């Protein structure tokens, strides 16, 4: 029975890694569609989100079955409960990649962001992709140095997000109301994607160390 239990735990971990890889792929395609107004690529991201949702539901069902049938304790219990929460964050990251792709599709054939903001959003996209890629590495390796890299990238995104809102609130901002809304929404999507990445990184840190960070924040 113990061998079966450990195999089930391994499968839960493998599913988390698979979801993380799909999220990374979704963000890569979403940011490309966003930057170059590629409506076909945007549609690919939107359609592929159903796969992430399906895998999250499958993982959650498996984890709940383990809780109900195996009665795990201590570190195993932390792993299962943590996996449930991490899968929710990863699924939300997939949703946010889809939201970015939907903005690209909505404004096609134009790009979403005005030229004055291109550099800022390109950097946000780069940092979000770094977080997505590192999450997969972290889930596979549980290397806490990778978790620290994710936190650093998130700090940089927070600074960029703040700079966007300062820009659109400045007297010299002259873009249309529709563009202003697009810019604000897009910045929020990129920022929230990173927040959920941090949430996953914090939970992996907890699994490794057994110590919860008191300043950790859950994100919706």
C-alpha atoms as a PDB file:
ATOM      1  CA  UNK A   1       0.000   0.000   0.000  1.00  0.00           C
ATOM      2  CA  UNK A   2       2.843   2.372   0.797  1.00  0.00           C
ATOM      3  CA  UNK A   3       4.371   1.819  -2.632  1.00  0.00           C
ATOM      4  CA  UNK A   4       1.053   2.623  -4.301  1.00  0.00           C
ATOM      5  CA  UNK A   5       0.728   5.732  -2.153  1.00  0.00           C
ATOM      6  CA  UNK A   6       4.176   6.990  -3.142  1.00  0.00           C
ATOM      7  CA  UNK A   7       3.402   6.337  -6.812  1.00  0.00           C
ATOM      8  CA  UNK A   8       0.246   8.413  -6.484  1.00  0.00           C
ATOM      9  CA  UNK A   9       2.202  11.265  -4.892  1.00  0.00           C
ATOM     10  CA  UNK A  10       4.722  11.087  -7.724  1.00  0.00           C
ATOM     11  CA  UNK A  11       1.915  11.298 -10.274  1.00  0.00           C
ATOM     12  CA  UNK A  12       0.558  14.415  -8.571  1.00  0.00           C
ATOM     13  CA  UNK A  13       3.994  16.011  -8.792  1.00  0.00           C
ATOM     14  CA  UNK A  14       4.340  15.024 -12.435  1.00  0.00           C
ATOM     15  CA  UNK A  15       0.967  16.579 -13.232  1.00  0.00           C
ATOM     16  CA  UNK A  16       2.022  19.845 -11.611  1.00  0.00           C
ATOM     17  CA  UNK A  17       5.110  19.913 -13.818  1.00  0.00           C
ATOM     18  CA  UNK A  18       3.013  19.200 -16.909  1.00  0.00           C
ATOM     19  CA  UNK A  19       0.602  22.024 -16.095  1.00  0.00           C
ATOM     20  CA  UNK A  20       3.534  24.347 -15.465  1.00  0.00           C
ATOM     21  CA  UNK A  21       5.026  23.526 -18.871  1.00  0.00           C
ATOM     22  CA  UNK A  22       1.699  24.240 -20.574  1.00  0.00           C
ATOM     23  CA  UNK A  23       1.424  27.558 -18.723  1.00  0.00           C
ATOM     24  CA  UNK A  24       4.924  28.514 -19.854  1.00  0.00           C
ATOM     25  CA  UNK A  25       4.046  27.659 -23.448  1.00  0.00           C
ATOM     26  CA  UNK A  26       0.791  29.618 -23.202  1.00  0.00           C
ATOM     27  CA  UNK A  27       2.577  32.699 -21.887  1.00  0.00           C
ATOM     28  CA  UNK A  28       5.199  32.506 -24.610  1.00  0.00           C
ATOM     29  CA  UNK A  29       2.552  32.407 -27.330  1.00  0.00           C
ATOM     30  CA  UNK A  30       0.347  34.984 -25.623  1.00  0.00           C
ATOM     31  CA  UNK A  31       3.103  37.564 -25.320  1.00  0.00           C
ATOM     32  CA  UNK A  32       4.167  37.028 -28.925  1.00  0.00           C
ATOM     33  CA  UNK A  33       0.607  37.491 -30.145  1.00  0.00           C
ATOM     34  CA  UNK A  34       0.331  40.569 -27.920  1.00  0.00           C
ATOM     35  CA  UNK A  35       3.543  42.124 -29.232  1.00  0.00           C
ATOM     36  CA  UNK A  36       3.075  41.482 -32.972  1.00  0.00           C
ATOM     37  CA  UNK A  37      -0.742  41.267 -33.299  1.00  0.00           C
ATOM     38  CA  UNK A  38      -0.753  37.610 -34.349  1.00  0.00           C
ATOM     39  CA  UNK A  39      -4.424  36.675 -34.129  1.00  0.00           C
ATOM     40  CA  UNK A  40      -3.862  33.014 -35.040  1.00  0.00           C
ATOM     41  CA  UNK A  41      -1.368  32.585 -32.225  1.00  0.00           C
ATOM     42  CA  UNK A  42      -3.742  34.347 -29.852  1.00  0.00           C
ATOM     43  CA  UNK A  43      -6.493  31.926 -30.801  1.00  0.00           C
ATOM     44  CA  UNK A  44      -4.162  28.984 -30.143  1.00  0.00           C
ATOM     45  CA  UNK A  45      -3.619  30.222 -26.586  1.00  0.00           C
ATOM     46  CA  UNK A  46      -7.329  30.728 -25.997  1.00  0.00           C
ATOM     47  CA  UNK A  47      -8.196  27.251 -27.260  1.00  0.00           C
ATOM     48  CA  UNK A  48      -5.351  25.538 -25.386  1.00  0.00           C
ATOM     49  CA  UNK A  49      -6.467  26.916 -22.022  1.00  0.00           C
ATOM     50  CA  UNK A  50      -9.080  24.157 -21.825  1.00  0.00           C
ATOM     51  CA  UNK A  51      -6.251  21.606 -21.556  1.00  0.00           C
ATOM     52  CA  UNK A  52      -4.796  23.399 -18.531  1.00  0.00           C
ATOM     53  CA  UNK A  53      -8.232  23.493 -16.903  1.00  0.00           C
ATOM     54  CA  UNK A  54      -8.735  19.792 -17.553  1.00  0.00           C
ATOM     55  CA  UNK A  55      -5.382  18.848 -16.050  1.00  0.00           C
ATOM     56  CA  UNK A  56      -5.992  20.991 -12.992  1.00  0.00           C
ATOM     57  CA  UNK A  57      -9.347  19.305 -12.382  1.00  0.00           C
ATOM     58  CA  UNK A  58      -7.747  15.891 -12.865  1.00  0.00           C
ATOM     59  CA  UNK A  59      -4.945  16.687 -10.421  1.00  0.00           C
ATOM     60  CA  UNK A  60      -7.380  18.003  -7.825  1.00  0.00           C
ATOM     61  CA  UNK A  61      -9.556  14.902  -8.087  1.00  0.00           C
ATOM     62  CA  UNK A  62      -6.503  12.682  -7.650  1.00  0.00           C
ATOM     63  CA  UNK A  63      -5.309  14.663  -4.637  1.00  0.00           C
ATOM     64  CA  UNK A  64      -8.722  14.562  -2.981  1.00  0.00           C
ATOM     65  CA  UNK A  65      -8.907  10.811  -3.530  1.00  0.00           C
ATOM     66  CA  UNK A  66      -5.519  10.429  -1.829  1.00  0.00           C
ATOM     67  CA  UNK A  67      -6.702  12.512   1.116  1.00  0.00           C
ATOM     68  CA  UNK A  68      -9.867  10.455   1.436  1.00  0.00           C
ATOM     69  CA  UNK A  69      -8.378   6.981   0.974  1.00  0.00           C
ATOM     70  CA  UNK A  70      -4.802   7.118   2.243  1.00  0.00           C
ATOM     71  CA  UNK A  71      -4.966   9.310   5.347  1.00  0.00           C
ATOM     72  CA  UNK A  72      -1.581  10.982   4.744  1.00  0.00           C
ATOM     73  CA  UNK A  73       0.256  12.668   7.602  1.00  0.00           C
ATOM     74  CA  UNK A  74       3.016  15.240   8.091  1.00  0.00           C
ATOM     75  CA  UNK A  75       5.105  15.965   4.969  1.00  0.00           C
ATOM     76  CA  UNK A  76       2.877  13.871   2.713  1.00  0.00           C
ATOM     77  CA  UNK A  77      -0.142  15.858   3.828  1.00  0.00           C
ATOM     78  CA  UNK A  78       1.706  19.104   3.148  1.00  0.00           C
ATOM     79  CA  UNK A  79       2.541  17.848  -0.331  1.00  0.00           C
ATOM     80  CA  UNK A  80      -1.052  17.007  -1.200  1.00  0.00           C
ATOM     81  CA  UNK A  81      -2.619  20.170   0.212  1.00  0.00           C
ATOM     82  CA  UNK A  82       0.163  22.255  -1.325  1.00  0.00           C
ATOM     83  CA  UNK A  83      -0.421  20.611  -4.692  1.00  0.00           C
ATOM     84  CA  UNK A  84      -4.095  21.511  -4.579  1.00  0.00           C
ATOM     85  CA  UNK A  85      -3.232  25.133  -3.978  1.00  0.00           C
ATOM     86  CA  UNK A  86      -0.405  25.223  -6.504  1.00  0.00           C
ATOM     87  CA  UNK A  87      -2.613  23.752  -9.204  1.00  0.00           C
ATOM     88  CA  UNK A  88      -5.118  26.549  -8.598  1.00  0.00           C
ATOM     89  CA  UNK A  89      -2.384  29.177  -9.028  1.00  0.00           C
ATOM     90  CA  UNK A  90      -1.072  27.534 -12.182  1.00  0.00           C
ATOM     91  CA  UNK A  91      -4.578  27.340 -13.631  1.00  0.00           C
ATOM     92  CA  UNK A  92      -5.030  31.045 -12.921  1.00  0.00           C
ATOM     93  CA  UNK A  93      -1.722  31.780 -14.662  1.00  0.00           C
ATOM     94  CA  UNK A  94      -3.108  29.984 -17.704  1.00  0.00           C
ATOM     95  CA  UNK A  95      -6.212  32.153 -17.511  1.00  0.00           C
ATOM     96  CA  UNK A  96      -4.091  35.307 -17.400  1.00  0.00           C
ATOM     97  CA  UNK A  97      -2.120  34.211 -20.461  1.00  0.00           C
ATOM     98  CA  UNK A  98      -5.485  33.686 -22.156  1.00  0.00           C
ATOM     99  CA  UNK A  99      -6.595  37.184 -21.132  1.00  0.00           C
ATOM    100  CA  UNK A 100      -3.465  38.656 -22.744  1.00  0.00           C
ATOM    101  CA  UNK A 101      -4.167  36.688 -25.925  1.00  0.00           C
ATOM    102  CA  UNK A 102      -7.775  37.875 -25.884  1.00  0.00           C
ATOM    103  CA  UNK A 103      -6.594  41.494 -25.783  1.00  0.00           C
ATOM    104  CA  UNK A 104      -4.393  40.797 -28.793  1.00  0.00           C
ATOM    105  CA  UNK A 105      -7.332  39.250 -30.656  1.00  0.00           C
ATOM    106  CA  UNK A 106      -9.646  42.128 -29.698  1.00  0.00           C
ATOM    107  CA  UNK A 107      -7.341  44.832 -31.097  1.00  0.00           C
ATOM    108  CA  UNK A 108      -6.172  42.932 -34.192  1.00  0.00           C
ATOM    109  CA  UNK A 109      -4.841  44.080 -36.672  1.00  0.00           C
ATOM    110  CA  UNK A 110      -3.456  46.797 -34.397  1.00  0.00           C
ATOM    111  CA  UNK A 111      -1.209  46.070 -31.446  1.00  0.00           C
ATOM    112  CA  UNK A 112      -2.618  46.602 -27.970  1.00  0.00           C
ATOM    113  CA  UNK A 113       0.085  48.863 -26.582  1.00  0.00           C
ATOM    114  CA  UNK A 114       1.109  52.294 -27.924  1.00  0.00           C
ATOM    115  CA  UNK A 115       4.691  52.750 -29.035  1.00  0.00           C
ATOM    116  CA  UNK A 116       5.628  54.756 -25.943  1.00  0.00           C
ATOM    117  CA  UNK A 117       4.916  51.722 -23.745  1.00  0.00           C
ATOM    118  CA  UNK A 118       6.464  49.023 -25.913  1.00  0.00           C
ATOM    119  CA  UNK A 119       9.757  48.755 -24.050  1.00  0.00           C
ATOM    120  CA  UNK A 120       8.020  48.519 -20.665  1.00  0.00           C
ATOM    121  CA  UNK A 121       5.654  45.760 -21.753  1.00  0.00           C
ATOM    122  CA  UNK A 122       8.361  43.847 -23.565  1.00  0.00           C
ATOM    123  CA  UNK A 123      10.311  43.760 -20.313  1.00  0.00           C
ATOM    124  CA  UNK A 124       7.244  42.674 -18.343  1.00  0.00           C
ATOM    125  CA  UNK A 125       6.657  39.876 -20.843  1.00  0.00           C
ATOM    126  CA  UNK A 126      10.294  38.804 -20.597  1.00  0.00           C
ATOM    127  CA  UNK A 127      10.150  38.665 -16.807  1.00  0.00           C
ATOM    128  CA  UNK A 128       6.856  36.773 -16.770  1.00  0.00           C
ATOM    129  CA  UNK A 129       8.298  34.230 -19.181  1.00  0.00           C
ATOM    130  CA  UNK A 130      11.322  33.868 -16.939  1.00  0.00           C
ATOM    131  CA  UNK A 131       9.020  33.190 -13.980  1.00  0.00           C
ATOM    132  CA  UNK A 132       6.993  30.649 -15.955  1.00  0.00           C
ATOM    133  CA  UNK A 133      10.101  28.800 -17.119  1.00  0.00           C
ATOM    134  CA  UNK A 134      11.684  28.816 -13.669  1.00  0.00           C
ATOM    135  CA  UNK A 135       8.512  27.470 -12.068  1.00  0.00           C
ATOM    136  CA  UNK A 136       8.873  24.283 -14.085  1.00  0.00           C
ATOM    137  CA  UNK A 137      12.496  23.983 -13.001  1.00  0.00           C
ATOM    138  CA  UNK A 138      11.503  24.644  -9.394  1.00  0.00           C
ATOM    139  CA  UNK A 139       8.750  22.037  -9.377  1.00  0.00           C
ATOM    140  CA  UNK A 140      11.152  19.461 -10.799  1.00  0.00           C
ATOM    141  CA  UNK A 141      14.194  20.281  -8.686  1.00  0.00           C
ATOM    142  CA  UNK A 142      12.869  22.031  -5.546  1.00  0.00           C
ATOM    143  CA  UNK A 143      15.971  24.206  -5.753  1.00  0.00           C
ATOM    144  CA  UNK A 144      15.235  27.166  -3.470  1.00  0.00           C
ATOM    145  CA  UNK A 145      17.707  29.360  -5.338  1.00  0.00           C
ATOM    146  CA  UNK A 146      15.284  29.165  -8.280  1.00  0.00           C
ATOM    147  CA  UNK A 147      12.483  30.242  -5.939  1.00  0.00           C
ATOM    148  CA  UNK A 148      14.528  33.279  -4.953  1.00  0.00           C
ATOM    149  CA  UNK A 149      15.045  34.141  -8.625  1.00  0.00           C
ATOM    150  CA  UNK A 150      11.250  34.103  -9.089  1.00  0.00           C
ATOM    151  CA  UNK A 151      10.802  36.528  -6.191  1.00  0.00           C
ATOM    152  CA  UNK A 152      13.386  38.882  -7.689  1.00  0.00           C
ATOM    153  CA  UNK A 153      11.664  38.839 -11.074  1.00  0.00           C
ATOM    154  CA  UNK A 154       8.351  39.572  -9.400  1.00  0.00           C
ATOM    155  CA  UNK A 155       9.812  42.622  -7.662  1.00  0.00           C
ATOM    156  CA  UNK A 156      10.955  43.963 -11.022  1.00  0.00           C
ATOM    157  CA  UNK A 157       7.494  43.399 -12.510  1.00  0.00           C
ATOM    158  CA  UNK A 158       5.867  45.222  -9.600  1.00  0.00           C
ATOM    159  CA  UNK A 159       8.091  48.229 -10.317  1.00  0.00           C
ATOM    160  CA  UNK A 160       7.165  48.168 -14.002  1.00  0.00           C
ATOM    161  CA  UNK A 161       3.471  47.797 -13.172  1.00  0.00           C
ATOM    162  CA  UNK A 162       3.685  50.885 -10.961  1.00  0.00           C
ATOM    163  CA  UNK A 163       5.445  52.810 -13.718  1.00  0.00           C
ATOM    164  CA  UNK A 164       2.610  52.013 -16.144  1.00  0.00           C
ATOM    165  CA  UNK A 165      -0.014  53.459 -13.824  1.00  0.00           C
ATOM    166  CA  UNK A 166       2.121  56.527 -13.198  1.00  0.00           C
ATOM    167  CA  UNK A 167       2.424  57.008 -16.967  1.00  0.00           C
ATOM    168  CA  UNK A 168      -1.307  56.807 -17.690  1.00  0.00           C
ATOM    169  CA  UNK A 169      -2.041  59.173 -14.784  1.00  0.00           C
ATOM    170  CA  UNK A 170       0.460  61.787 -15.983  1.00  0.00           C
ATOM    171  CA  UNK A 171      -0.854  65.030 -17.500  1.00  0.00           C
ATOM    172  CA  UNK A 172       1.026  64.373 -20.745  1.00  0.00           C
ATOM    173  CA  UNK A 173      -0.753  61.052 -21.362  1.00  0.00           C
ATOM    174  CA  UNK A 174      -2.769  61.593 -24.547  1.00  0.00           C
ATOM    175  CA  UNK A 175      -3.956  58.138 -25.620  1.00  0.00           C
ATOM    176  CA  UNK A 176      -7.643  57.339 -26.160  1.00  0.00           C
ATOM    177  CA  UNK A 177      -9.807  55.996 -23.327  1.00  0.00           C
ATOM    178  CA  UNK A 178      -9.890  52.568 -25.018  1.00  0.00           C
ATOM    179  CA  UNK A 179      -6.103  52.419 -25.224  1.00  0.00           C
ATOM    180  CA  UNK A 180      -5.794  53.588 -21.635  1.00  0.00           C
ATOM    181  CA  UNK A 181      -8.064  50.775 -20.477  1.00  0.00           C
ATOM    182  CA  UNK A 182      -6.133  48.248 -22.563  1.00  0.00           C
ATOM    183  CA  UNK A 183      -2.826  49.385 -21.096  1.00  0.00           C
ATOM    184  CA  UNK A 184      -4.149  49.227 -17.534  1.00  0.00           C
ATOM    185  CA  UNK A 185      -5.671  45.783 -18.045  1.00  0.00           C
ATOM    186  CA  UNK A 186      -2.596  44.372 -19.756  1.00  0.00           C
ATOM    187  CA  UNK A 187      -0.298  45.629 -17.015  1.00  0.00           C
ATOM    188  CA  UNK A 188      -2.579  44.092 -14.419  1.00  0.00           C
ATOM    189  CA  UNK A 189      -2.563  40.731 -16.227  1.00  0.00           C
ATOM    190  CA  UNK A 190       1.229  40.644 -16.399  1.00  0.00           C
ATOM    191  CA  UNK A 191       1.519  41.661 -12.748  1.00  0.00           C
ATOM    192  CA  UNK A 192      -1.003  39.075 -11.527  1.00  0.00           C
ATOM    193  CA  UNK A 193       0.693  36.320 -13.549  1.00  0.00           C
ATOM    194  CA  UNK A 194       3.886  37.017 -11.628  1.00  0.00           C
ATOM    195  CA  UNK A 195       2.016  37.122  -8.315  1.00  0.00           C
ATOM    196  CA  UNK A 196       0.658  33.636  -8.864  1.00  0.00           C
ATOM    197  CA  UNK A 197       4.136  32.458  -9.797  1.00  0.00           C
ATOM    198  CA  UNK A 198       5.347  33.759  -6.443  1.00  0.00           C
ATOM    199  CA  UNK A 199       2.505  31.939  -4.713  1.00  0.00           C
ATOM    200  CA  UNK A 200       3.644  28.641  -6.237  1.00  0.00           C
ATOM    201  CA  UNK A 201       7.279  29.366  -5.354  1.00  0.00           C
ATOM    202  CA  UNK A 202       6.331  30.067  -1.734  1.00  0.00           C
ATOM    203  CA  UNK A 203       4.458  26.790  -1.462  1.00  0.00           C
ATOM    204  CA  UNK A 204       7.401  24.830  -2.877  1.00  0.00           C
ATOM    205  CA  UNK A 205       9.614  26.574  -0.327  1.00  0.00           C
ATOM    206  CA  UNK A 206       7.188  25.480   2.383  1.00  0.00           C
ATOM    207  CA  UNK A 207       7.295  21.886   1.161  1.00  0.00           C
ATOM    208  CA  UNK A 208      11.086  21.900   1.277  1.00  0.00           C
ATOM    209  CA  UNK A 209      11.583  23.709   4.579  1.00  0.00           C
ATOM    210  CA  UNK A 210       8.334  23.017   6.448  1.00  0.00           C
ATOM    211  CA  UNK A 211       8.257  26.698   7.437  1.00  0.00           C
ATOM    212  CA  UNK A 212       5.529  28.970   6.088  1.00  0.00           C
ATOM    213  CA  UNK A 213       6.485  32.549   5.281  1.00  0.00           C
ATOM    214  CA  UNK A 214       4.326  34.864   7.427  1.00  0.00           C
ATOM    215  CA  UNK A 215       4.289  37.554   4.732  1.00  0.00           C
ATOM    216  CA  UNK A 216       3.082  35.178   2.007  1.00  0.00           C
ATOM    217  CA  UNK A 217       0.006  36.393   0.177  1.00  0.00           C
ATOM    218  CA  UNK A 218      -2.687  34.358  -1.525  1.00  0.00           C
ATOM    219  CA  UNK A 219      -3.913  35.745  -4.816  1.00  0.00           C
ATOM    220  CA  UNK A 220      -7.251  35.450  -6.510  1.00  0.00           C
END
